[in-house]
């Protein structure tokens, strides 16, 4: 059974940084697509970044481009999301997800794919 555990959230000031972790266990497929999503109160879950095993290229949504960096998974299938220059609009619960369908990450519309594995999320609050 695949399990995802997110951590690293907390309170940050505007302009500050946080680094989130996603530890994935029980996933045995050689090919993958891994994504970060977030959900703010009263809003739908939205995509943040996505990476696939095909070419290691990461796709970012415009709202986080040039501020967030998603790492390539390490040997333990842990991925990080480095978040810099945080703004209050980044406040949300952040989730990671994984699928063996690499094509989920192809293109900028990765957040429209039917991802079906989720962790419990980690809260990020940006406030002064």
C-alpha atoms as a PDB file:
ATOM      1  CA  UNK A   1       0.000   0.000   0.000  1.00  0.00           C
ATOM      2  CA  UNK A   2       1.356   3.373  -1.011  1.00  0.00           C
ATOM      3  CA  UNK A   3       1.711   5.900   1.784  1.00  0.00           C
ATOM      4  CA  UNK A   4       2.682   9.547   1.527  1.00  0.00           C
ATOM      5  CA  UNK A   5       3.713  11.665   4.484  1.00  0.00           C
ATOM      6  CA  UNK A   6       4.179  15.399   4.151  1.00  0.00           C
ATOM      7  CA  UNK A   7       6.062  17.481   6.711  1.00  0.00           C
ATOM      8  CA  UNK A   8       7.873  20.762   7.135  1.00  0.00           C
ATOM      9  CA  UNK A   9       4.945  23.137   7.205  1.00  0.00           C
ATOM     10  CA  UNK A  10       4.582  25.940   9.689  1.00  0.00           C
ATOM     11  CA  UNK A  11       4.335  29.681  10.065  1.00  0.00           C
ATOM     12  CA  UNK A  12       6.452  31.951   7.919  1.00  0.00           C
ATOM     13  CA  UNK A  13       6.561  35.685   7.414  1.00  0.00           C
ATOM     14  CA  UNK A  14       5.998  37.202   3.991  1.00  0.00           C
ATOM     15  CA  UNK A  15       9.256  37.000   2.106  1.00  0.00           C
ATOM     16  CA  UNK A  16      10.350  34.039   4.177  1.00  0.00           C
ATOM     17  CA  UNK A  17      11.075  30.434   3.243  1.00  0.00           C
ATOM     18  CA  UNK A  18       9.952  26.952   4.144  1.00  0.00           C
ATOM     19  CA  UNK A  19      11.023  23.534   2.910  1.00  0.00           C
ATOM     20  CA  UNK A  20       8.442  20.786   2.709  1.00  0.00           C
ATOM     21  CA  UNK A  21       9.192  17.087   2.560  1.00  0.00           C
ATOM     22  CA  UNK A  22       7.182  14.238   1.098  1.00  0.00           C
ATOM     23  CA  UNK A  23       8.206  10.719   2.027  1.00  0.00           C
ATOM     24  CA  UNK A  24       6.703   7.985  -0.120  1.00  0.00           C
ATOM     25  CA  UNK A  25       6.645   4.326   0.843  1.00  0.00           C
ATOM     26  CA  UNK A  26       5.179   1.200  -0.695  1.00  0.00           C
ATOM     27  CA  UNK A  27       5.568   2.457  -4.273  1.00  0.00           C
ATOM     28  CA  UNK A  28       7.396  -0.143  -6.327  1.00  0.00           C
ATOM     29  CA  UNK A  29       6.930   1.023  -9.889  1.00  0.00           C
ATOM     30  CA  UNK A  30      10.061   2.124 -11.741  1.00  0.00           C
ATOM     31  CA  UNK A  31       8.192   4.943 -13.432  1.00  0.00           C
ATOM     32  CA  UNK A  32       6.360   7.731 -11.678  1.00  0.00           C
ATOM     33  CA  UNK A  33       4.857  11.160 -11.712  1.00  0.00           C
ATOM     34  CA  UNK A  34       4.950  13.048  -8.411  1.00  0.00           C
ATOM     35  CA  UNK A  35       3.159  16.293  -7.741  1.00  0.00           C
ATOM     36  CA  UNK A  36       2.595  18.867  -5.050  1.00  0.00           C
ATOM     37  CA  UNK A  37      -0.832  20.373  -4.603  1.00  0.00           C
ATOM     38  CA  UNK A  38      -2.270  22.820  -2.120  1.00  0.00           C
ATOM     39  CA  UNK A  39      -5.685  23.718  -0.823  1.00  0.00           C
ATOM     40  CA  UNK A  40      -6.566  26.986   0.833  1.00  0.00           C
ATOM     41  CA  UNK A  41      -9.681  27.339   3.014  1.00  0.00           C
ATOM     42  CA  UNK A  42     -12.803  27.581   0.891  1.00  0.00           C
ATOM     43  CA  UNK A  43     -10.926  26.895  -2.320  1.00  0.00           C
ATOM     44  CA  UNK A  44     -10.394  23.897  -4.560  1.00  0.00           C
ATOM     45  CA  UNK A  45      -7.174  21.963  -4.474  1.00  0.00           C
ATOM     46  CA  UNK A  46      -4.714  23.397  -6.980  1.00  0.00           C
ATOM     47  CA  UNK A  47      -1.527  22.107  -8.499  1.00  0.00           C
ATOM     48  CA  UNK A  48       1.830  23.515  -7.508  1.00  0.00           C
ATOM     49  CA  UNK A  49       4.538  21.458  -9.219  1.00  0.00           C
ATOM     50  CA  UNK A  50       5.012  18.111 -10.905  1.00  0.00           C
ATOM     51  CA  UNK A  51       7.927  15.915 -11.910  1.00  0.00           C
ATOM     52  CA  UNK A  52       8.079  12.643 -13.817  1.00  0.00           C
ATOM     53  CA  UNK A  53      10.688   9.932 -14.131  1.00  0.00           C
ATOM     54  CA  UNK A  54      10.728  10.328 -17.920  1.00  0.00           C
ATOM     55  CA  UNK A  55      13.039  13.307 -18.112  1.00  0.00           C
ATOM     56  CA  UNK A  56      13.149  14.792 -14.632  1.00  0.00           C
ATOM     57  CA  UNK A  57      11.694  18.015 -15.912  1.00  0.00           C
ATOM     58  CA  UNK A  58       9.565  19.865 -13.380  1.00  0.00           C
ATOM     59  CA  UNK A  59       6.433  21.783 -14.287  1.00  0.00           C
ATOM     60  CA  UNK A  60       5.361  24.687 -12.093  1.00  0.00           C
ATOM     61  CA  UNK A  61       2.108  26.567 -11.992  1.00  0.00           C
ATOM     62  CA  UNK A  62       2.479  30.241 -12.753  1.00  0.00           C
ATOM     63  CA  UNK A  63       1.571  31.266  -9.209  1.00  0.00           C
ATOM     64  CA  UNK A  64       4.738  29.670  -7.788  1.00  0.00           C
ATOM     65  CA  UNK A  65       7.128  29.786 -10.721  1.00  0.00           C
ATOM     66  CA  UNK A  66      10.535  31.246  -9.845  1.00  0.00           C
ATOM     67  CA  UNK A  67       9.728  31.041  -6.128  1.00  0.00           C
ATOM     68  CA  UNK A  68       9.242  27.312  -5.500  1.00  0.00           C
ATOM     69  CA  UNK A  69      11.597  24.502  -6.409  1.00  0.00           C
ATOM     70  CA  UNK A  70      10.639  20.832  -6.434  1.00  0.00           C
ATOM     71  CA  UNK A  71      13.499  18.403  -6.052  1.00  0.00           C
ATOM     72  CA  UNK A  72      14.116  15.186  -7.915  1.00  0.00           C
ATOM     73  CA  UNK A  73      13.179  12.213  -5.712  1.00  0.00           C
ATOM     74  CA  UNK A  74      16.108  10.674  -3.880  1.00  0.00           C
ATOM     75  CA  UNK A  75      16.784   6.958  -3.577  1.00  0.00           C
ATOM     76  CA  UNK A  76      14.234   6.731  -0.762  1.00  0.00           C
ATOM     77  CA  UNK A  77      11.610   8.398  -2.923  1.00  0.00           C
ATOM     78  CA  UNK A  78      11.583  11.531  -0.800  1.00  0.00           C
ATOM     79  CA  UNK A  79      10.872  14.794  -2.554  1.00  0.00           C
ATOM     80  CA  UNK A  80      11.220  18.332  -1.291  1.00  0.00           C
ATOM     81  CA  UNK A  81       9.483  21.558  -2.092  1.00  0.00           C
ATOM     82  CA  UNK A  82      11.642  24.585  -1.378  1.00  0.00           C
ATOM     83  CA  UNK A  83       9.413  27.614  -1.044  1.00  0.00           C
ATOM     84  CA  UNK A  84      11.037  31.042  -1.137  1.00  0.00           C
ATOM     85  CA  UNK A  85       9.703  34.572  -1.137  1.00  0.00           C
ATOM     86  CA  UNK A  86       6.465  33.377   0.429  1.00  0.00           C
ATOM     87  CA  UNK A  87       3.348  35.501   0.171  1.00  0.00           C
ATOM     88  CA  UNK A  88       0.095  35.303   2.167  1.00  0.00           C
ATOM     89  CA  UNK A  89      -1.617  33.718  -0.843  1.00  0.00           C
ATOM     90  CA  UNK A  90       0.607  30.686  -0.361  1.00  0.00           C
ATOM     91  CA  UNK A  91      -1.245  29.871   2.841  1.00  0.00           C
ATOM     92  CA  UNK A  92      -2.776  26.431   2.385  1.00  0.00           C
ATOM     93  CA  UNK A  93      -2.506  22.771   3.278  1.00  0.00           C
ATOM     94  CA  UNK A  94       0.114  21.237   1.005  1.00  0.00           C
ATOM     95  CA  UNK A  95      -0.194  17.683  -0.286  1.00  0.00           C
ATOM     96  CA  UNK A  96       1.956  15.376  -2.349  1.00  0.00           C
ATOM     97  CA  UNK A  97       0.767  12.619  -4.626  1.00  0.00           C
ATOM     98  CA  UNK A  98       2.240   9.932  -6.853  1.00  0.00           C
ATOM     99  CA  UNK A  99       1.150   7.785  -9.758  1.00  0.00           C
ATOM    100  CA  UNK A 100       2.877   5.276 -12.056  1.00  0.00           C
ATOM    101  CA  UNK A 101       1.372   7.177 -14.993  1.00  0.00           C
ATOM    102  CA  UNK A 102       4.267   9.376 -16.014  1.00  0.00           C
ATOM    103  CA  UNK A 103       2.163  11.239 -18.545  1.00  0.00           C
ATOM    104  CA  UNK A 104       0.274  12.898 -15.706  1.00  0.00           C
ATOM    105  CA  UNK A 105       3.163  15.373 -15.562  1.00  0.00           C
ATOM    106  CA  UNK A 106       3.353  16.050 -19.262  1.00  0.00           C
ATOM    107  CA  UNK A 107       2.317  19.608 -19.953  1.00  0.00           C
ATOM    108  CA  UNK A 108       1.085  22.344 -17.656  1.00  0.00           C
ATOM    109  CA  UNK A 109      -2.341  20.815 -16.980  1.00  0.00           C
ATOM    110  CA  UNK A 110      -1.073  18.155 -14.604  1.00  0.00           C
ATOM    111  CA  UNK A 111      -3.491  19.364 -11.957  1.00  0.00           C
ATOM    112  CA  UNK A 112      -6.438  18.180 -14.061  1.00  0.00           C
ATOM    113  CA  UNK A 113      -5.368  14.545 -13.944  1.00  0.00           C
ATOM    114  CA  UNK A 114      -7.271  12.156 -11.650  1.00  0.00           C
ATOM    115  CA  UNK A 115      -4.615  11.751  -8.956  1.00  0.00           C
ATOM    116  CA  UNK A 116      -5.869   9.291  -6.386  1.00  0.00           C
ATOM    117  CA  UNK A 117      -3.221   8.905  -3.693  1.00  0.00           C
ATOM    118  CA  UNK A 118      -2.791  11.600  -1.073  1.00  0.00           C
ATOM    119  CA  UNK A 119      -0.982  12.180   2.174  1.00  0.00           C
ATOM    120  CA  UNK A 120      -2.500  13.927   5.168  1.00  0.00           C
ATOM    121  CA  UNK A 121      -1.042  17.264   4.170  1.00  0.00           C
ATOM    122  CA  UNK A 122       1.036  19.844   6.002  1.00  0.00           C
ATOM    123  CA  UNK A 123      -0.196  23.327   6.899  1.00  0.00           C
ATOM    124  CA  UNK A 124       1.665  26.348   5.613  1.00  0.00           C
ATOM    125  CA  UNK A 125       0.692  29.746   6.965  1.00  0.00           C
ATOM    126  CA  UNK A 126       2.247  32.950   5.679  1.00  0.00           C
ATOM    127  CA  UNK A 127       1.491  35.889   7.882  1.00  0.00           C
ATOM    128  CA  UNK A 128       3.197  38.801   9.579  1.00  0.00           C
END
